[in-house]
Full PDB file with SEQRES, HELIX, SHEET, SSBOND, CRYST1, ORIGX, SCALE, CONECT and MASTER records, all heavy atoms in Angstrom:
SEQRES   1 A   34  GLN LEU ARG LYS PRO THR GLY PHE PHE GLY ARG HIS VAL          
SEQRES   2 A   34  ALA ALA ARG PHE MET HIS TRP ALA ASN VAL GLU ILE ASN          
SEQRES   3 A   34  LEU ARG THR MET ASP ALA MET SER                              
HELIX    1 AA1 GLY A    7  PHE A    8  1                                   2    
HELIX    2 AA2 PHE A    9  ALA A   14  3                                   6    
HELIX    3 AA3 ALA A   15  ALA A   21  1                                   7    
HELIX    4 AA4 VAL A   23  MET A   33  1                                  11    
CRYST1    1.000    1.000    1.000  90.00  90.00  90.00 P 1           1          
ORIGX1      1.000000  0.000000  0.000000        0.00000                         
ORIGX2      0.000000  1.000000  0.000000        0.00000                         
ORIGX3      0.000000  0.000000  1.000000        0.00000                         
SCALE1      1.000000  0.000000  0.000000        0.00000                         
SCALE2      0.000000  1.000000  0.000000        0.00000                         
SCALE3      0.000000  0.000000  1.000000        0.00000                         
ATOM      1  N   GLN A   1     -16.118  -9.497 -13.908  1.00  0.00           N  
ATOM      2  CA  GLN A   1     -14.741 -10.086 -13.827  1.00  0.00           C  
ATOM      3  C   GLN A   1     -14.593 -10.980 -15.007  1.00  0.00           C  
ATOM      4  O   GLN A   1     -13.420 -11.062 -15.519  1.00  0.00           O  
ATOM      5  CB  GLN A   1     -14.654 -10.821 -12.517  1.00  0.00           C  
ATOM      6  CG  GLN A   1     -14.434  -9.978 -11.387  1.00  0.00           C  
ATOM      7  CD  GLN A   1     -13.116  -9.147 -11.461  1.00  0.00           C  
ATOM      8  OE1 GLN A   1     -12.148  -9.630 -11.781  1.00  0.00           O  
ATOM      9  NE2 GLN A   1     -13.149  -7.840 -11.150  1.00  0.00           N  
ATOM     10  N   LEU A   2     -15.560 -11.703 -15.461  1.00  0.00           N  
ATOM     11  CA  LEU A   2     -15.379 -12.482 -16.660  1.00  0.00           C  
ATOM     12  C   LEU A   2     -15.263 -11.775 -17.904  1.00  0.00           C  
ATOM     13  O   LEU A   2     -14.592 -12.216 -18.862  1.00  0.00           O  
ATOM     14  CB  LEU A   2     -16.497 -13.632 -16.746  1.00  0.00           C  
ATOM     15  CG  LEU A   2     -16.431 -14.598 -15.577  1.00  0.00           C  
ATOM     16  CD1 LEU A   2     -17.668 -15.546 -15.686  1.00  0.00           C  
ATOM     17  CD2 LEU A   2     -15.120 -15.341 -15.535  1.00  0.00           C  
ATOM     18  N   ARG A   3     -15.858 -10.641 -17.956  1.00  0.00           N  
ATOM     19  CA  ARG A   3     -15.806  -9.679 -19.172  1.00  0.00           C  
ATOM     20  C   ARG A   3     -14.441  -8.986 -19.200  1.00  0.00           C  
ATOM     21  O   ARG A   3     -13.747  -8.962 -20.257  1.00  0.00           O  
ATOM     22  CB  ARG A   3     -16.861  -8.593 -19.026  1.00  0.00           C  
ATOM     23  CG  ARG A   3     -16.797  -7.665 -20.216  1.00  0.00           C  
ATOM     24  CD  ARG A   3     -18.014  -6.597 -20.070  1.00  0.00           C  
ATOM     25  NE  ARG A   3     -17.819  -5.552 -20.984  1.00  0.00           N  
ATOM     26  CZ  ARG A   3     -17.018  -4.496 -20.798  1.00  0.00           C  
ATOM     27  NH1 ARG A   3     -16.434  -4.308 -19.647  1.00  0.00           N  
ATOM     28  NH2 ARG A   3     -16.908  -3.562 -21.749  1.00  0.00           N  
ATOM     29  N   LYS A   4     -14.001  -8.459 -17.980  1.00  0.00           N  
ATOM     30  CA  LYS A   4     -12.794  -7.712 -18.007  1.00  0.00           C  
ATOM     31  C   LYS A   4     -12.153  -7.976 -16.577  1.00  0.00           C  
ATOM     32  O   LYS A   4     -12.367  -7.211 -15.622  1.00  0.00           O  
ATOM     33  CB  LYS A   4     -12.930  -6.240 -18.228  1.00  0.00           C  
ATOM     34  CG  LYS A   4     -11.593  -5.441 -18.220  1.00  0.00           C  
ATOM     35  CD  LYS A   4     -11.765  -3.991 -18.444  1.00  0.00           C  
ATOM     36  CE  LYS A   4     -10.482  -3.319 -18.564  1.00  0.00           C  
ATOM     37  NZ  LYS A   4     -10.613  -1.810 -18.733  1.00  0.00           N  
ATOM     38  N   PRO A   5     -11.358  -9.055 -16.403  1.00  0.00           N  
ATOM     39  CA  PRO A   5     -10.796  -9.414 -15.087  1.00  0.00           C  
ATOM     40  C   PRO A   5      -9.923  -8.264 -14.589  1.00  0.00           C  
ATOM     41  O   PRO A   5      -9.123  -7.716 -15.304  1.00  0.00           O  
ATOM     42  CB  PRO A   5      -9.957 -10.657 -15.405  1.00  0.00           C  
ATOM     43  CG  PRO A   5     -10.603 -11.232 -16.584  1.00  0.00           C  
ATOM     44  CD  PRO A   5     -11.071 -10.087 -17.407  1.00  0.00           C  
ATOM     45  N   THR A   6     -10.114  -8.009 -13.244  1.00  0.00           N  
ATOM     46  CA  THR A   6      -9.270  -6.963 -12.581  1.00  0.00           C  
ATOM     47  C   THR A   6      -8.842  -7.480 -11.234  1.00  0.00           C  
ATOM     48  O   THR A   6      -9.510  -8.272 -10.588  1.00  0.00           O  
ATOM     49  CB  THR A   6     -10.060  -5.642 -12.406  1.00  0.00           C  
ATOM     50  OG1 THR A   6     -11.264  -5.941 -11.679  1.00  0.00           O  
ATOM     51  CG2 THR A   6     -10.498  -5.034 -13.771  1.00  0.00           C  
ATOM     52  N   GLY A   7      -7.752  -6.872 -10.788  1.00  0.00           N  
ATOM     53  CA  GLY A   7      -7.340  -7.145  -9.389  1.00  0.00           C  
ATOM     54  C   GLY A   7      -6.994  -8.593  -9.085  1.00  0.00           C  
ATOM     55  O   GLY A   7      -6.853  -9.440  -9.977  1.00  0.00           O  
ATOM     56  N   PHE A   8      -6.958  -8.883  -7.841  1.00  0.00           N  
ATOM     57  CA  PHE A   8      -6.651 -10.210  -7.379  1.00  0.00           C  
ATOM     58  C   PHE A   8      -7.679 -11.290  -7.832  1.00  0.00           C  
ATOM     59  O   PHE A   8      -7.247 -12.300  -8.335  1.00  0.00           O  
ATOM     60  CB  PHE A   8      -6.647 -10.259  -5.847  1.00  0.00           C  
ATOM     61  CG  PHE A   8      -6.368 -11.567  -5.213  1.00  0.00           C  
ATOM     62  CD1 PHE A   8      -5.011 -12.020  -5.076  1.00  0.00           C  
ATOM     63  CD2 PHE A   8      -7.360 -12.451  -4.888  1.00  0.00           C  
ATOM     64  CE1 PHE A   8      -4.673 -13.287  -4.561  1.00  0.00           C  
ATOM     65  CE2 PHE A   8      -7.084 -13.761  -4.393  1.00  0.00           C  
ATOM     66  CZ  PHE A   8      -5.746 -14.161  -4.187  1.00  0.00           C  
ATOM     67  N   PHE A   9      -8.947 -10.960  -7.767  1.00  0.00           N  
ATOM     68  CA  PHE A   9     -10.040 -11.857  -8.217  1.00  0.00           C  
ATOM     69  C   PHE A   9      -9.798 -12.197  -9.726  1.00  0.00           C  
ATOM     70  O   PHE A   9      -9.875 -13.390 -10.130  1.00  0.00           O  
ATOM     71  CB  PHE A   9     -11.380 -11.232  -7.971  1.00  0.00           C  
ATOM     72  CG  PHE A   9     -12.524 -12.243  -8.236  1.00  0.00           C  
ATOM     73  CD1 PHE A   9     -12.986 -13.076  -7.179  1.00  0.00           C  
ATOM     74  CD2 PHE A   9     -13.080 -12.387  -9.478  1.00  0.00           C  
ATOM     75  CE1 PHE A   9     -13.994 -14.026  -7.444  1.00  0.00           C  
ATOM     76  CE2 PHE A   9     -14.032 -13.316  -9.759  1.00  0.00           C  
ATOM     77  CZ  PHE A   9     -14.524 -14.143  -8.703  1.00  0.00           C  
ATOM     78  N   GLY A  10      -9.621 -11.231 -10.526  1.00  0.00           N  
ATOM     79  CA  GLY A  10      -9.407 -11.376 -11.950  1.00  0.00           C  
ATOM     80  C   GLY A  10      -8.261 -12.241 -12.286  1.00  0.00           C  
ATOM     81  O   GLY A  10      -8.298 -13.160 -13.102  1.00  0.00           O  
ATOM     82  N   ARG A  11      -7.105 -11.902 -11.583  1.00  0.00           N  
ATOM     83  CA  ARG A  11      -5.838 -12.616 -11.898  1.00  0.00           C  
ATOM     84  C   ARG A  11      -5.892 -14.049 -11.414  1.00  0.00           C  
ATOM     85  O   ARG A  11      -5.357 -14.942 -12.086  1.00  0.00           O  
ATOM     86  CB  ARG A  11      -4.658 -11.906 -11.164  1.00  0.00           C  
ATOM     87  CG  ARG A  11      -3.354 -12.470 -11.413  1.00  0.00           C  
ATOM     88  CD  ARG A  11      -2.268 -11.664 -10.663  1.00  0.00           C  
ATOM     89  NE  ARG A  11      -2.284 -10.289 -11.151  1.00  0.00           N  
ATOM     90  CZ  ARG A  11      -1.576  -9.824 -12.163  1.00  0.00           C  
ATOM     91  NH1 ARG A  11      -0.801 -10.712 -12.907  1.00  0.00           N  
ATOM     92  NH2 ARG A  11      -1.533  -8.561 -12.559  1.00  0.00           N  
ATOM     93  N   HIS A  12      -6.496 -14.308 -10.235  1.00  0.00           N  
ATOM     94  CA  HIS A  12      -6.409 -15.732  -9.666  1.00  0.00           C  
ATOM     95  C   HIS A  12      -7.630 -16.528  -9.852  1.00  0.00           C  
ATOM     96  O   HIS A  12      -7.538 -17.745  -9.935  1.00  0.00           O  
ATOM     97  CB  HIS A  12      -5.958 -15.532  -8.205  1.00  0.00           C  
ATOM     98  CG  HIS A  12      -4.676 -14.912  -8.023  1.00  0.00           C  
ATOM     99  ND1 HIS A  12      -3.488 -15.629  -8.277  1.00  0.00           N  
ATOM    100  CD2 HIS A  12      -4.263 -13.644  -7.671  1.00  0.00           C  
ATOM    101  CE1 HIS A  12      -2.498 -14.841  -8.060  1.00  0.00           C  
ATOM    102  NE2 HIS A  12      -2.910 -13.631  -7.706  1.00  0.00           N  
ATOM    103  N   VAL A  13      -8.844 -15.904  -9.821  1.00  0.00           N  
ATOM    104  CA  VAL A  13     -10.078 -16.637  -9.901  1.00  0.00           C  
ATOM    105  C   VAL A  13     -10.565 -16.731 -11.322  1.00  0.00           C  
ATOM    106  O   VAL A  13     -10.851 -17.770 -11.867  1.00  0.00           O  
ATOM    107  CB  VAL A  13     -11.061 -16.093  -8.843  1.00  0.00           C  
ATOM    108  CG1 VAL A  13     -12.377 -16.884  -8.995  1.00  0.00           C  
ATOM    109  CG2 VAL A  13     -10.494 -16.176  -7.486  1.00  0.00           C  
ATOM    110  N   ALA A  14     -10.802 -15.534 -11.924  1.00  0.00           N  
ATOM    111  CA  ALA A  14     -11.325 -15.476 -13.254  1.00  0.00           C  
ATOM    112  C   ALA A  14     -10.453 -16.176 -14.207  1.00  0.00           C  
ATOM    113  O   ALA A  14     -10.961 -16.922 -15.146  1.00  0.00           O  
ATOM    114  CB  ALA A  14     -11.579 -14.025 -13.693  1.00  0.00           C  
ATOM    115  N   ALA A  15      -9.131 -16.024 -14.159  1.00  0.00           N  
ATOM    116  CA  ALA A  15      -8.234 -16.613 -15.101  1.00  0.00           C  
ATOM    117  C   ALA A  15      -8.314 -18.134 -14.921  1.00  0.00           C  
ATOM    118  O   ALA A  15      -8.354 -18.888 -15.962  1.00  0.00           O  
ATOM    119  CB  ALA A  15      -6.788 -16.192 -14.794  1.00  0.00           C  
ATOM    120  N   ARG A  16      -8.349 -18.680 -13.792  1.00  0.00           N  
ATOM    121  CA  ARG A  16      -8.567 -20.167 -13.593  1.00  0.00           C  
ATOM    122  C   ARG A  16      -9.883 -20.687 -14.139  1.00  0.00           C  
ATOM    123  O   ARG A  16      -9.917 -21.714 -14.654  1.00  0.00           O  
ATOM    124  CB  ARG A  16      -8.307 -20.528 -12.129  1.00  0.00           C  
ATOM    125  CG  ARG A  16      -6.848 -20.350 -11.703  1.00  0.00           C  
ATOM    126  CD  ARG A  16      -6.607 -20.957 -10.342  1.00  0.00           C  
ATOM    127  NE  ARG A  16      -5.254 -20.749 -10.029  1.00  0.00           N  
ATOM    128  CZ  ARG A  16      -4.776 -20.199  -8.818  1.00  0.00           C  
ATOM    129  NH1 ARG A  16      -5.620 -19.707  -8.002  1.00  0.00           N  
ATOM    130  NH2 ARG A  16      -3.489 -20.102  -8.679  1.00  0.00           N  
ATOM    131  N   PHE A  17     -10.915 -19.870 -13.850  1.00  0.00           N  
ATOM    132  CA  PHE A  17     -12.170 -20.245 -14.370  1.00  0.00           C  
ATOM    133  C   PHE A  17     -12.217 -20.310 -15.939  1.00  0.00           C  
ATOM    134  O   PHE A  17     -12.699 -21.316 -16.480  1.00  0.00           O  
ATOM    135  CB  PHE A  17     -13.347 -19.389 -13.843  1.00  0.00           C  
ATOM    136  CG  PHE A  17     -14.705 -19.681 -14.413  1.00  0.00           C  
ATOM    137  CD1 PHE A  17     -15.355 -20.786 -13.898  1.00  0.00           C  
ATOM    138  CD2 PHE A  17     -15.184 -19.006 -15.504  1.00  0.00           C  
ATOM    139  CE1 PHE A  17     -16.627 -21.146 -14.350  1.00  0.00           C  
ATOM    140  CE2 PHE A  17     -16.470 -19.441 -16.000  1.00  0.00           C  
ATOM    141  CZ  PHE A  17     -17.155 -20.448 -15.392  1.00  0.00           C  
ATOM    142  N   MET A  18     -11.622 -19.247 -16.503  1.00  0.00           N  
ATOM    143  CA  MET A  18     -11.535 -19.290 -17.967  1.00  0.00           C  
ATOM    144  C   MET A  18     -10.828 -20.458 -18.539  1.00  0.00           C  
ATOM    145  O   MET A  18     -11.170 -21.054 -19.549  1.00  0.00           O  
ATOM    146  CB  MET A  18     -10.889 -17.963 -18.478  1.00  0.00           C  
ATOM    147  CG  MET A  18     -11.783 -16.723 -18.310  1.00  0.00           C  
ATOM    148  SD  MET A  18     -10.747 -15.307 -18.901  1.00  0.00           S  
ATOM    149  CE  MET A  18     -11.613 -13.976 -18.085  1.00  0.00           C  
ATOM    150  N   HIS A  19      -9.692 -20.782 -17.844  1.00  0.00           N  
ATOM    151  CA  HIS A  19      -8.924 -21.902 -18.251  1.00  0.00           C  
ATOM    152  C   HIS A  19      -9.680 -23.164 -18.191  1.00  0.00           C  
ATOM    153  O   HIS A  19      -9.695 -23.955 -19.196  1.00  0.00           O  
ATOM    154  CB  HIS A  19      -7.710 -22.068 -17.346  1.00  0.00           C  
ATOM    155  CG  HIS A  19      -6.847 -23.322 -17.558  1.00  0.00           C  
ATOM    156  ND1 HIS A  19      -6.047 -23.438 -18.652  1.00  0.00           N  
ATOM    157  CD2 HIS A  19      -6.832 -24.510 -16.874  1.00  0.00           C  
ATOM    158  CE1 HIS A  19      -5.491 -24.599 -18.585  1.00  0.00           C  
ATOM    159  NE2 HIS A  19      -5.949 -25.183 -17.530  1.00  0.00           N  
ATOM    160  N   TRP A  20     -10.499 -23.394 -17.258  1.00  0.00           N  
ATOM    161  CA  TRP A  20     -11.354 -24.541 -17.137  1.00  0.00           C  
ATOM    162  C   TRP A  20     -12.576 -24.528 -18.085  1.00  0.00           C  
ATOM    163  O   TRP A  20     -12.818 -25.494 -18.801  1.00  0.00           O  
ATOM    164  CB  TRP A  20     -11.842 -24.753 -15.684  1.00  0.00           C  
ATOM    165  CG  TRP A  20     -12.843 -25.744 -15.461  1.00  0.00           C  
ATOM    166  CD1 TRP A  20     -12.710 -27.032 -15.366  1.00  0.00           C  
ATOM    167  CD2 TRP A  20     -14.275 -25.470 -15.410  1.00  0.00           C  
ATOM    168  NE1 TRP A  20     -13.900 -27.639 -15.216  1.00  0.00           N  
ATOM    169  CE2 TRP A  20     -14.880 -26.710 -15.189  1.00  0.00           C  
ATOM    170  CE3 TRP A  20     -15.080 -24.317 -15.400  1.00  0.00           C  
ATOM    171  CZ2 TRP A  20     -16.249 -26.876 -14.983  1.00  0.00           C  
ATOM    172  CZ3 TRP A  20     -16.383 -24.477 -15.268  1.00  0.00           C  
ATOM    173  CH2 TRP A  20     -17.008 -25.733 -15.058  1.00  0.00           C  
ATOM    174  N   ALA A  21     -13.237 -23.375 -18.122  1.00  0.00           N  
ATOM    175  CA  ALA A  21     -14.409 -23.260 -18.860  1.00  0.00           C  
ATOM    176  C   ALA A  21     -14.235 -23.263 -20.377  1.00  0.00           C  
ATOM    177  O   ALA A  21     -15.200 -23.581 -21.083  1.00  0.00           O  
ATOM    178  CB  ALA A  21     -15.285 -22.076 -18.454  1.00  0.00           C  
ATOM    179  N   ASN A  22     -13.147 -22.838 -20.831  1.00  0.00           N  
ATOM    180  CA  ASN A  22     -12.988 -22.671 -22.301  1.00  0.00           C  
ATOM    181  C   ASN A  22     -12.205 -23.767 -22.981  1.00  0.00           C  
ATOM    182  O   ASN A  22     -11.940 -23.700 -24.210  1.00  0.00           O  
ATOM    183  CB  ASN A  22     -12.204 -21.358 -22.565  1.00  0.00           C  
ATOM    184  CG  ASN A  22     -13.028 -20.086 -22.247  1.00  0.00           C  
ATOM    185  OD1 ASN A  22     -14.275 -20.205 -22.187  1.00  0.00           O  
ATOM    186  ND2 ASN A  22     -12.364 -19.042 -21.842  1.00  0.00           N  
ATOM    187  N   VAL A  23     -11.984 -24.942 -22.320  1.00  0.00           N  
ATOM    188  CA  VAL A  23     -11.193 -25.984 -22.911  1.00  0.00           C  
ATOM    189  C   VAL A  23     -11.886 -26.453 -24.215  1.00  0.00           C  
ATOM    190  O   VAL A  23     -11.332 -26.614 -25.209  1.00  0.00           O  
ATOM    191  CB  VAL A  23     -10.975 -27.114 -21.938  1.00  0.00           C  
ATOM    192  CG1 VAL A  23     -10.475 -28.377 -22.581  1.00  0.00           C  
ATOM    193  CG2 VAL A  23     -10.099 -26.739 -20.790  1.00  0.00           C  
ATOM    194  N   GLU A  24     -13.168 -26.815 -24.051  1.00  0.00           N  
ATOM    195  CA  GLU A  24     -13.896 -27.371 -25.183  1.00  0.00           C  
ATOM    196  C   GLU A  24     -13.962 -26.367 -26.433  1.00  0.00           C  
ATOM    197  O   GLU A  24     -13.680 -26.763 -27.565  1.00  0.00           O  
ATOM    198  CB  GLU A  24     -15.313 -27.676 -24.792  1.00  0.00           C  
ATOM    199  CG  GLU A  24     -16.158 -28.379 -25.903  1.00  0.00           C  
ATOM    200  CD  GLU A  24     -15.727 -29.771 -26.305  1.00  0.00           C  
ATOM    201  OE1 GLU A  24     -15.093 -30.492 -25.504  1.00  0.00           O  
ATOM    202  OE2 GLU A  24     -16.001 -30.097 -27.472  1.00  0.00           O  
ATOM    203  N   ILE A  25     -14.272 -25.107 -26.154  1.00  0.00           N  
ATOM    204  CA  ILE A  25     -14.386 -24.120 -27.284  1.00  0.00           C  
ATOM    205  C   ILE A  25     -13.010 -23.887 -27.838  1.00  0.00           C  
ATOM    206  O   ILE A  25     -12.934 -23.700 -29.079  1.00  0.00           O  
ATOM    207  CB  ILE A  25     -15.085 -22.843 -26.813  1.00  0.00           C  
ATOM    208  CG1 ILE A  25     -15.518 -22.085 -27.998  1.00  0.00           C  
ATOM    209  CG2 ILE A  25     -14.255 -22.015 -25.925  1.00  0.00           C  
ATOM    210  CD1 ILE A  25     -16.499 -21.041 -27.822  1.00  0.00           C  
ATOM    211  N   ASN A  26     -11.943 -23.905 -27.045  1.00  0.00           N  
ATOM    212  CA  ASN A  26     -10.645 -23.713 -27.591  1.00  0.00           C  
ATOM    213  C   ASN A  26     -10.241 -24.868 -28.477  1.00  0.00           C  
ATOM    214  O   ASN A  26      -9.628 -24.645 -29.622  1.00  0.00           O  
ATOM    215  CB  ASN A  26      -9.640 -23.529 -26.458  1.00  0.00           C  
ATOM    216  CG  ASN A  26      -9.649 -22.200 -25.838  1.00  0.00           C  
ATOM    217  OD1 ASN A  26     -10.279 -21.269 -26.365  1.00  0.00           O  
ATOM    218  ND2 ASN A  26      -9.132 -22.020 -24.617  1.00  0.00           N  
ATOM    219  N   LEU A  27     -10.568 -26.082 -28.167  1.00  0.00           N  
ATOM    220  CA  LEU A  27     -10.261 -27.308 -28.986  1.00  0.00           C  
ATOM    221  C   LEU A  27     -11.016 -27.214 -30.303  1.00  0.00           C  
ATOM    222  O   LEU A  27     -10.461 -27.528 -31.362  1.00  0.00           O  
ATOM    223  CB  LEU A  27     -10.574 -28.558 -28.150  1.00  0.00           C  
ATOM    224  CG  LEU A  27      -9.660 -28.855 -26.945  1.00  0.00           C  
ATOM    225  CD1 LEU A  27     -10.125 -30.087 -26.237  1.00  0.00           C  
ATOM    226  CD2 LEU A  27      -8.148 -29.162 -27.441  1.00  0.00           C  
ATOM    227  N   ARG A  28     -12.302 -26.828 -30.108  1.00  0.00           N  
ATOM    228  CA  ARG A  28     -13.086 -26.761 -31.371  1.00  0.00           C  
ATOM    229  C   ARG A  28     -12.534 -25.623 -32.294  1.00  0.00           C  
ATOM    230  O   ARG A  28     -12.559 -25.821 -33.538  1.00  0.00           O  
ATOM    231  CB  ARG A  28     -14.570 -26.448 -31.059  1.00  0.00           C  
ATOM    232  CG  ARG A  28     -15.208 -27.704 -30.486  1.00  0.00           C  
ATOM    233  CD  ARG A  28     -16.634 -27.390 -30.119  1.00  0.00           C  
ATOM    234  NE  ARG A  28     -17.316 -28.480 -29.517  1.00  0.00           N  
ATOM    235  CZ  ARG A  28     -18.604 -28.668 -29.468  1.00  0.00           C  
ATOM    236  NH1 ARG A  28     -19.430 -27.899 -30.052  1.00  0.00           N  
ATOM    237  NH2 ARG A  28     -19.076 -29.698 -28.838  1.00  0.00           N  
ATOM    238  N   THR A  29     -12.137 -24.547 -31.697  1.00  0.00           N  
ATOM    239  CA  THR A  29     -11.619 -23.464 -32.495  1.00  0.00           C  
ATOM    240  C   THR A  29     -10.407 -23.892 -33.213  1.00  0.00           C  
ATOM    241  O   THR A  29     -10.231 -23.644 -34.427  1.00  0.00           O  
ATOM    242  CB  THR A  29     -11.345 -22.275 -31.580  1.00  0.00           C  
ATOM    243  OG1 THR A  29     -12.555 -21.882 -31.038  1.00  0.00           O  
ATOM    244  CG2 THR A  29     -10.706 -21.064 -32.435  1.00  0.00           C  
ATOM    245  N   MET A  30      -9.483 -24.558 -32.500  1.00  0.00           N  
ATOM    246  CA  MET A  30      -8.162 -25.000 -33.141  1.00  0.00           C  
ATOM    247  C   MET A  30      -8.529 -25.986 -34.280  1.00  0.00           C  
ATOM    248  O   MET A  30      -7.830 -25.923 -35.353  1.00  0.00           O  
ATOM    249  CB  MET A  30      -7.244 -25.675 -32.137  1.00  0.00           C  
ATOM    250  CG  MET A  30      -6.671 -24.559 -31.221  1.00  0.00           C  
ATOM    251  SD  MET A  30      -5.354 -25.226 -30.045  1.00  0.00           S  
ATOM    252  CE  MET A  30      -6.395 -26.247 -29.057  1.00  0.00           C  
ATOM    253  N   ASP A  31      -9.451 -26.849 -34.041  1.00  0.00           N  
ATOM    254  CA  ASP A  31      -9.819 -27.819 -35.088  1.00  0.00           C  
ATOM    255  C   ASP A  31     -10.382 -27.158 -36.338  1.00  0.00           C  
ATOM    256  O   ASP A  31     -10.153 -27.563 -37.488  1.00  0.00           O  
ATOM    257  CB  ASP A  31     -10.770 -28.836 -34.502  1.00  0.00           C  
ATOM    258  CG  ASP A  31     -11.078 -29.957 -35.473  1.00  0.00           C  
ATOM    259  OD1 ASP A  31     -10.118 -30.500 -35.978  1.00  0.00           O  
ATOM    260  OD2 ASP A  31     -12.229 -30.270 -35.618  1.00  0.00           O  
ATOM    261  N   ALA A  32     -11.159 -26.155 -36.168  1.00  0.00           N  
ATOM    262  CA  ALA A  32     -11.830 -25.490 -37.252  1.00  0.00           C  
ATOM    263  C   ALA A  32     -10.978 -24.480 -38.041  1.00  0.00           C  
ATOM    264  O   ALA A  32     -11.280 -24.120 -39.150  1.00  0.00           O  
ATOM    265  CB  ALA A  32     -13.104 -24.708 -36.733  1.00  0.00           C  
ATOM    266  N   MET A  33      -9.855 -24.140 -37.556  1.00  0.00           N  
ATOM    267  CA  MET A  33      -8.970 -23.013 -38.149  1.00  0.00           C  
ATOM    268  C   MET A  33      -8.206 -23.473 -39.368  1.00  0.00           C  
ATOM    269  O   MET A  33      -7.937 -22.636 -40.167  1.00  0.00           O  
ATOM    270  CB  MET A  33      -8.123 -22.449 -37.093  1.00  0.00           C  
ATOM    271  CG  MET A  33      -8.826 -21.647 -36.136  1.00  0.00           C  
ATOM    272  SD  MET A  33      -7.819 -20.936 -34.832  1.00  0.00           S  
ATOM    273  CE  MET A  33      -7.071 -19.502 -35.660  1.00  0.00           C  
ATOM    274  N   SER A  34      -7.891 -24.694 -39.559  1.00  0.00           N  
ATOM    275  CA  SER A  34      -7.101 -25.223 -40.685  1.00  0.00           C  
ATOM    276  C   SER A  34      -5.894 -24.320 -40.944  1.00  0.00           C  
ATOM    277  O   SER A  34      -5.672 -23.817 -42.008  1.00  0.00           O  
ATOM    278  CB  SER A  34      -7.991 -25.193 -41.983  1.00  0.00           C  
ATOM    279  OG  SER A  34      -9.121 -26.043 -41.811  1.00  0.00           O  
TER     280      SER A  34                                                      
MASTER        0    0    0    4    0    0    0    6  279    1    0    3          
END                                                                             
């Protein structure tokens, strides 16, 4: 599901988990991109 979210679980659970889990890496990525 984390690799390729599908169905109800992917849409509602995996998407929310990704939102929470990727905050730090997204901030670092934006900072590094110039």
